[in-house]
All heavy atoms as atom14 arrays in JSON, in Angstrom:
{
  "sequence": "TLQMNSLIPEDTAVYYCNAPSLSVWGQGTQVV",
  "atom14_mask": [
    [1, 1, 1, 1, 1, 1, 1, 0, 0, 0, 0, 0, 0, 0],
    [1, 1, 1, 1, 1, 1, 1, 1, 0, 0, 0, 0, 0, 0],
    [1, 1, 1, 1, 1, 1, 1, 1, 1, 0, 0, 0, 0, 0],
    [1, 1, 1, 1, 1, 1, 1, 1, 0, 0, 0, 0, 0, 0],
    [1, 1, 1, 1, 1, 1, 1, 1, 0, 0, 0, 0, 0, 0],
    [1, 1, 1, 1, 1, 1, 0, 0, 0, 0, 0, 0, 0, 0],
    [1, 1, 1, 1, 1, 1, 1, 1, 0, 0, 0, 0, 0, 0],
    [1, 1, 1, 1, 1, 1, 1, 1, 0, 0, 0, 0, 0, 0],
    [1, 1, 1, 1, 1, 1, 1, 0, 0, 0, 0, 0, 0, 0],
    [1, 1, 1, 1, 1, 1, 1, 1, 1, 0, 0, 0, 0, 0],
    [1, 1, 1, 1, 1, 1, 1, 1, 0, 0, 0, 0, 0, 0],
    [1, 1, 1, 1, 1, 1, 1, 0, 0, 0, 0, 0, 0, 0],
    [1, 1, 1, 1, 1, 0, 0, 0, 0, 0, 0, 0, 0, 0],
    [1, 1, 1, 1, 1, 1, 1, 0, 0, 0, 0, 0, 0, 0],
    [1, 1, 1, 1, 1, 1, 1, 1, 1, 1, 1, 1, 0, 0],
    [1, 1, 1, 1, 1, 1, 1, 1, 1, 1, 1, 1, 0, 0],
    [1, 1, 1, 1, 1, 1, 0, 0, 0, 0, 0, 0, 0, 0],
    [1, 1, 1, 1, 1, 1, 1, 1, 0, 0, 0, 0, 0, 0],
    [1, 1, 1, 1, 1, 0, 0, 0, 0, 0, 0, 0, 0, 0],
    [1, 1, 1, 1, 1, 1, 1, 0, 0, 0, 0, 0, 0, 0],
    [1, 1, 1, 1, 1, 1, 0, 0, 0, 0, 0, 0, 0, 0],
    [1, 1, 1, 1, 1, 1, 1, 1, 0, 0, 0, 0, 0, 0],
    [1, 1, 1, 1, 1, 1, 0, 0, 0, 0, 0, 0, 0, 0],
    [1, 1, 1, 1, 1, 1, 1, 0, 0, 0, 0, 0, 0, 0],
    [1, 1, 1, 1, 1, 1, 1, 1, 1, 1, 1, 1, 1, 1],
    [1, 1, 1, 1, 0, 0, 0, 0, 0, 0, 0, 0, 0, 0],
    [1, 1, 1, 1, 1, 1, 1, 1, 1, 0, 0, 0, 0, 0],
    [1, 1, 1, 1, 0, 0, 0, 0, 0, 0, 0, 0, 0, 0],
    [1, 1, 1, 1, 1, 1, 1, 0, 0, 0, 0, 0, 0, 0],
    [1, 1, 1, 1, 1, 1, 1, 1, 1, 0, 0, 0, 0, 0],
    [1, 1, 1, 1, 1, 1, 1, 0, 0, 0, 0, 0, 0, 0],
    [1, 1, 1, 1, 1, 1, 1, 0, 0, 0, 0, 0, 0, 0]
  ],
  "atom14_positions": [
    [[0.83, -1.19, 0.0], [0.0, 0.0, 0.0], [0.87, 1.25, 0.0], [1.94, 1.27, 0.61], [-0.92, 0.01, 1.24], [-1.78, -1.13, 1.19], [-1.76, 1.26, 1.29], [0.0, 0.0, 0.0], [0.0, 0.0, 0.0], [0.0, 0.0, 0.0], [0.0, 0.0, 0.0], [0.0, 0.0, 0.0], [0.0, 0.0, 0.0], [0.0, 0.0, 0.0]],
    [[0.41, 2.27, -0.69], [1.05, 3.58, -0.65], [0.02, 4.6, -0.22], [-0.91, 4.9, -0.98], [1.64, 3.95, -2.01], [2.46, 5.24, -2.04], [3.75, 5.07, -1.25], [2.77, 5.65, -3.47], [0.0, 0.0, 0.0], [0.0, 0.0, 0.0], [0.0, 0.0, 0.0], [0.0, 0.0, 0.0], [0.0, 0.0, 0.0], [0.0, 0.0, 0.0]],
    [[0.16, 5.09, 1.0], [-0.69, 6.16, 1.49], [-0.08, 7.49, 1.08], [1.06, 7.78, 1.42], [-0.83, 6.08, 3.01], [-1.69, 7.18, 3.62], [-3.13, 7.07, 3.21], [-3.71, 6.0, 3.27], [-3.72, 8.18, 2.79], [0.0, 0.0, 0.0], [0.0, 0.0, 0.0], [0.0, 0.0, 0.0], [0.0, 0.0, 0.0], [0.0, 0.0, 0.0]],
    [[-0.85, 8.29, 0.37], [-0.38, 9.54, -0.2], [-1.18, 10.68, 0.41], [-2.39, 10.77, 0.2], [-0.54, 9.53, -1.72], [0.04, 8.29, -2.39], [-0.53, 8.07, -4.1], [0.2, 9.5, -4.87], [0.0, 0.0, 0.0], [0.0, 0.0, 0.0], [0.0, 0.0, 0.0], [0.0, 0.0, 0.0], [0.0, 0.0, 0.0], [0.0, 0.0, 0.0]],
    [[-0.5, 11.54, 1.14], [-1.14, 12.68, 1.79], [-0.55, 13.98, 1.28], [0.52, 14.01, 0.68], [-0.96, 12.6, 3.31], [-1.59, 11.38, 3.92], [-2.64, 10.92, 3.47], [-0.97, 10.85, 4.97], [0.0, 0.0, 0.0], [0.0, 0.0, 0.0], [0.0, 0.0, 0.0], [0.0, 0.0, 0.0], [0.0, 0.0, 0.0], [0.0, 0.0, 0.0]],
    [[-1.26, 15.06, 1.54], [-0.8, 16.4, 1.16], [-0.38, 16.45, -0.3], [0.68, 16.98, -0.64], [0.34, 16.84, 2.08], [-0.06, 16.84, 3.44], [0.0, 0.0, 0.0], [0.0, 0.0, 0.0], [0.0, 0.0, 0.0], [0.0, 0.0, 0.0], [0.0, 0.0, 0.0], [0.0, 0.0, 0.0], [0.0, 0.0, 0.0], [0.0, 0.0, 0.0]],
    [[-1.22, 15.95, -1.15], [-0.86, 15.81, -2.56], [-0.71, 17.17, -3.24], [-1.43, 18.12, -2.93], [-1.9, 14.97, -3.28], [-1.81, 13.48, -2.94], [-3.1, 12.76, -3.32], [-0.61, 12.83, -3.65], [0.0, 0.0, 0.0], [0.0, 0.0, 0.0], [0.0, 0.0, 0.0], [0.0, 0.0, 0.0], [0.0, 0.0, 0.0], [0.0, 0.0, 0.0]],
    [[0.23, 17.22, -4.16], [0.52, 18.42, -4.93], [0.48, 18.06, -6.41], [0.59, 16.88, -6.78], [1.89, 19.02, -4.55], [3.02, 18.0, -4.75], [1.87, 19.49, -3.1], [4.4, 18.55, -4.47], [0.0, 0.0, 0.0], [0.0, 0.0, 0.0], [0.0, 0.0, 0.0], [0.0, 0.0, 0.0], [0.0, 0.0, 0.0], [0.0, 0.0, 0.0]],
    [[0.36, 19.04, -7.29], [0.26, 18.72, -8.72], [1.43, 17.9, -9.26], [1.24, 17.1, -10.18], [0.18, 20.09, -9.38], [-0.48, 20.95, -8.36], [0.08, 20.47, -7.05], [0.0, 0.0, 0.0], [0.0, 0.0, 0.0], [0.0, 0.0, 0.0], [0.0, 0.0, 0.0], [0.0, 0.0, 0.0], [0.0, 0.0, 0.0], [0.0, 0.0, 0.0]],
    [[2.61, 18.09, -8.7], [3.78, 17.34, -9.14], [3.68, 15.85, -8.86], [4.48, 15.07, -9.39], [5.04, 17.91, -8.48], [5.45, 19.3, -9.0], [4.6, 20.43, -8.44], [3.84, 20.21, -7.47], [4.69, 21.55, -8.98], [0.0, 0.0, 0.0], [0.0, 0.0, 0.0], [0.0, 0.0, 0.0], [0.0, 0.0, 0.0], [0.0, 0.0, 0.0]],
    [[2.73, 15.45, -8.05], [2.5, 14.03, -7.8], [1.7, 13.36, -8.91], [1.54, 12.13, -8.9], [1.77, 13.83, -6.47], [2.58, 14.29, -5.27], [3.81, 14.09, -5.27], [1.97, 14.85, -4.34], [0.0, 0.0, 0.0], [0.0, 0.0, 0.0], [0.0, 0.0, 0.0], [0.0, 0.0, 0.0], [0.0, 0.0, 0.0], [0.0, 0.0, 0.0]],
    [[1.18, 14.12, -9.83], [0.42, 13.56, -10.94], [1.31, 12.62, -11.76], [2.38, 13.0, -12.22], [-0.13, 14.67, -11.84], [-1.06, 15.46, -11.09], [-0.84, 14.09, -13.05], [0.0, 0.0, 0.0], [0.0, 0.0, 0.0], [0.0, 0.0, 0.0], [0.0, 0.0, 0.0], [0.0, 0.0, 0.0], [0.0, 0.0, 0.0], [0.0, 0.0, 0.0]],
    [[0.87, 11.38, -11.92], [1.66, 10.38, -12.62], [0.86, 9.08, -12.65], [-0.18, 8.95, -12.0], [3.0, 10.14, -11.91], [0.0, 0.0, 0.0], [0.0, 0.0, 0.0], [0.0, 0.0, 0.0], [0.0, 0.0, 0.0], [0.0, 0.0, 0.0], [0.0, 0.0, 0.0], [0.0, 0.0, 0.0], [0.0, 0.0, 0.0], [0.0, 0.0, 0.0]],
    [[1.38, 8.13, -13.4], [0.93, 6.75, -13.29], [1.83, 6.06, -12.27], [3.05, 6.13, -12.38], [0.97, 6.02, -14.64], [0.53, 4.56, -14.47], [0.06, 6.72, -15.64], [0.0, 0.0, 0.0], [0.0, 0.0, 0.0], [0.0, 0.0, 0.0], [0.0, 0.0, 0.0], [0.0, 0.0, 0.0], [0.0, 0.0, 0.0], [0.0, 0.0, 0.0]],
    [[1.22, 5.42, -11.31], [1.95, 4.77, -10.23], [1.96, 3.26, -10.42], [0.92, 2.65, -10.72], [1.33, 5.12, -8.88], [1.66, 6.52, -8.43], [1.07, 7.63, -9.04], [2.59, 6.75, -7.41], [1.39, 8.92, -8.66], [2.91, 8.03, -7.01], [2.31, 9.11, -7.64], [2.63, 10.4, -7.24], [0.0, 0.0, 0.0], [0.0, 0.0, 0.0]],
    [[3.12, 2.66, -10.22], [3.33, 1.24, -10.39], [3.98, 0.66, -9.14], [4.81, 1.32, -8.5], [4.27, 0.95, -11.55], [3.84, 1.48, -12.89], [4.16, 2.77, -13.28], [3.12, 0.68, -13.77], [3.77, 3.26, -14.52], [2.74, 1.16, -15.01], [3.07, 2.45, -15.37], [2.69, 2.93, -16.61], [0.0, 0.0, 0.0], [0.0, 0.0, 0.0]],
    [[3.66, -0.57, -8.82], [4.44, -1.29, -7.82], [5.31, -2.32, -8.52], [5.05, -2.71, -9.67], [3.54, -1.95, -6.78], [2.5, -3.31, -7.38], [0.0, 0.0, 0.0], [0.0, 0.0, 0.0], [0.0, 0.0, 0.0], [0.0, 0.0, 0.0], [0.0, 0.0, 0.0], [0.0, 0.0, 0.0], [0.0, 0.0, 0.0], [0.0, 0.0, 0.0]],
    [[6.35, -2.76, -7.83], [7.22, -3.78, -8.38], [8.13, -4.31, -7.28], [8.34, -3.65, -6.26], [8.07, -3.23, -9.53], [8.43, -4.29, -10.56], [8.38, -5.5, -10.27], [8.8, -3.86, -11.74], [0.0, 0.0, 0.0], [0.0, 0.0, 0.0], [0.0, 0.0, 0.0], [0.0, 0.0, 0.0], [0.0, 0.0, 0.0], [0.0, 0.0, 0.0]],
    [[8.65, -5.49, -7.51], [9.79, -6.0, -6.77], [11.02, -5.66, -7.6], [11.15, -6.15, -8.72], [9.68, -7.51, -6.56], [0.0, 0.0, 0.0], [0.0, 0.0, 0.0], [0.0, 0.0, 0.0], [0.0, 0.0, 0.0], [0.0, 0.0, 0.0], [0.0, 0.0, 0.0], [0.0, 0.0, 0.0], [0.0, 0.0, 0.0], [0.0, 0.0, 0.0]],
    [[11.91, -4.82, -7.08], [13.03, -4.37, -7.92], [13.86, -5.49, -8.53], [14.38, -5.33, -9.64], [13.86, -3.52, -6.94], [12.85, -2.98, -5.98], [11.87, -4.11, -5.8], [0.0, 0.0, 0.0], [0.0, 0.0, 0.0], [0.0, 0.0, 0.0], [0.0, 0.0, 0.0], [0.0, 0.0, 0.0], [0.0, 0.0, 0.0], [0.0, 0.0, 0.0]],
    [[13.99, -6.61, -7.84], [14.78, -7.72, -8.37], [14.06, -8.51, -9.45], [14.69, -9.3, -10.16], [15.2, -8.66, -7.25], [14.07, -9.25, -6.63], [0.0, 0.0, 0.0], [0.0, 0.0, 0.0], [0.0, 0.0, 0.0], [0.0, 0.0, 0.0], [0.0, 0.0, 0.0], [0.0, 0.0, 0.0], [0.0, 0.0, 0.0], [0.0, 0.0, 0.0]],
    [[12.76, -8.32, -9.6], [11.99, -9.05, -10.6], [11.66, -8.2, -11.82], [11.63, -8.71, -12.93], [10.69, -9.58, -9.99], [10.84, -10.59, -8.86], [9.47, -10.98, -8.33], [11.61, -11.81, -9.32], [0.0, 0.0, 0.0], [0.0, 0.0, 0.0], [0.0, 0.0, 0.0], [0.0, 0.0, 0.0], [0.0, 0.0, 0.0], [0.0, 0.0, 0.0]],
    [[11.37, -6.95, -11.62], [11.11, -6.0, -12.69], [10.01, -6.49, -13.63], [10.2, -6.61, -14.84], [12.39, -5.7, -13.47], [12.19, -4.61, -14.36], [0.0, 0.0, 0.0], [0.0, 0.0, 0.0], [0.0, 0.0, 0.0], [0.0, 0.0, 0.0], [0.0, 0.0, 0.0], [0.0, 0.0, 0.0], [0.0, 0.0, 0.0], [0.0, 0.0, 0.0]],
    [[8.86, -6.78, -13.06], [7.67, -7.11, -13.82], [6.62, -6.06, -13.49], [6.31, -5.83, -12.32], [7.14, -8.52, -13.5], [5.83, -8.78, -14.22], [8.18, -9.56, -13.91], [0.0, 0.0, 0.0], [0.0, 0.0, 0.0], [0.0, 0.0, 0.0], [0.0, 0.0, 0.0], [0.0, 0.0, 0.0], [0.0, 0.0, 0.0], [0.0, 0.0, 0.0]],
    [[6.07, -5.45, -14.52], [5.22, -4.28, -14.34], [3.76, -4.59, -14.64], [3.44, -5.3, -15.59], [5.69, -3.14, -15.24], [7.11, -2.78, -14.97], [8.22, -3.24, -15.62], [7.58, -1.9, -13.95], [9.35, -2.71, -15.07], [9.0, -1.88, -14.05], [6.95, -1.13, -12.98], [9.78, -1.12, -13.19], [7.74, -0.38, -12.12], [9.13, -0.37, -12.24]],
    [[2.9, -4.06, -13.81], [1.47, -4.13, -14.07], [1.01, -2.97, -14.93], [1.8, -2.31, -15.61], [0.0, 0.0, 0.0], [0.0, 0.0, 0.0], [0.0, 0.0, 0.0], [0.0, 0.0, 0.0], [0.0, 0.0, 0.0], [0.0, 0.0, 0.0], [0.0, 0.0, 0.0], [0.0, 0.0, 0.0], [0.0, 0.0, 0.0], [0.0, 0.0, 0.0]],
    [[-0.28, -2.72, -14.91], [-0.85, -1.67, -15.75], [-0.72, -0.29, -15.13], [-0.91, 0.72, -15.81], [-2.32, -1.97, -16.05], [-3.31, -1.55, -14.96], [-3.31, -2.44, -13.73], [-2.61, -3.45, -13.67], [-4.09, -2.05, -12.73], [0.0, 0.0, 0.0], [0.0, 0.0, 0.0], [0.0, 0.0, 0.0], [0.0, 0.0, 0.0], [0.0, 0.0, 0.0]],
    [[-0.42, -0.23, -13.86], [-0.33, 1.03, -13.16], [-1.7, 1.59, -12.8], [-2.73, 1.12, -13.26], [0.0, 0.0, 0.0], [0.0, 0.0, 0.0], [0.0, 0.0, 0.0], [0.0, 0.0, 0.0], [0.0, 0.0, 0.0], [0.0, 0.0, 0.0], [0.0, 0.0, 0.0], [0.0, 0.0, 0.0], [0.0, 0.0, 0.0], [0.0, 0.0, 0.0]],
    [[-1.68, 2.63, -11.98], [-2.91, 3.33, -11.63], [-2.65, 4.82, -11.71], [-1.63, 5.32, -11.23], [-3.42, 2.89, -10.24], [-4.69, 3.48, -9.98], [-2.44, 3.25, -9.13], [0.0, 0.0, 0.0], [0.0, 0.0, 0.0], [0.0, 0.0, 0.0], [0.0, 0.0, 0.0], [0.0, 0.0, 0.0], [0.0, 0.0, 0.0], [0.0, 0.0, 0.0]],
    [[-3.56, 5.54, -12.34], [-3.37, 6.95, -12.63], [-3.76, 7.81, -11.44], [-4.83, 7.64, -10.85], [-4.23, 7.35, -13.84], [-4.19, 8.84, -14.17], [-2.91, 9.23, -14.85], [-2.57, 8.67, -15.91], [-2.17, 10.17, -14.28], [0.0, 0.0, 0.0], [0.0, 0.0, 0.0], [0.0, 0.0, 0.0], [0.0, 0.0, 0.0], [0.0, 0.0, 0.0]],
    [[-2.88, 8.74, -11.11], [-3.16, 9.73, -10.08], [-3.08, 11.11, -10.73], [-2.08, 11.44, -11.37], [-2.15, 9.64, -8.92], [-2.32, 10.81, -7.96], [-2.32, 8.32, -8.19], [0.0, 0.0, 0.0], [0.0, 0.0, 0.0], [0.0, 0.0, 0.0], [0.0, 0.0, 0.0], [0.0, 0.0, 0.0], [0.0, 0.0, 0.0], [0.0, 0.0, 0.0]],
    [[-4.12, 11.89, -10.56], [-4.16, 13.26, -11.06], [-4.48, 14.19, -9.9], [-5.51, 14.02, -9.24], [-5.19, 13.44, -12.18], [-5.24, 14.9, -12.63], [-4.87, 12.53, -13.35], [0.0, 0.0, 0.0], [0.0, 0.0, 0.0], [0.0, 0.0, 0.0], [0.0, 0.0, 0.0], [0.0, 0.0, 0.0], [0.0, 0.0, 0.0], [0.0, 0.0, 0.0]]
  ]
}
C-alpha cells in the first residue's frame, strides 16, 4: 500500500508497484 497525503500537482503520474529484483510491471494506476 502507498498512502499519499498532502498531494501536490507534481504528484500527478501513473503509479506502479514492483519487486526491484523481478522487474515485472502491471498496468499502473493513474493519479491526477
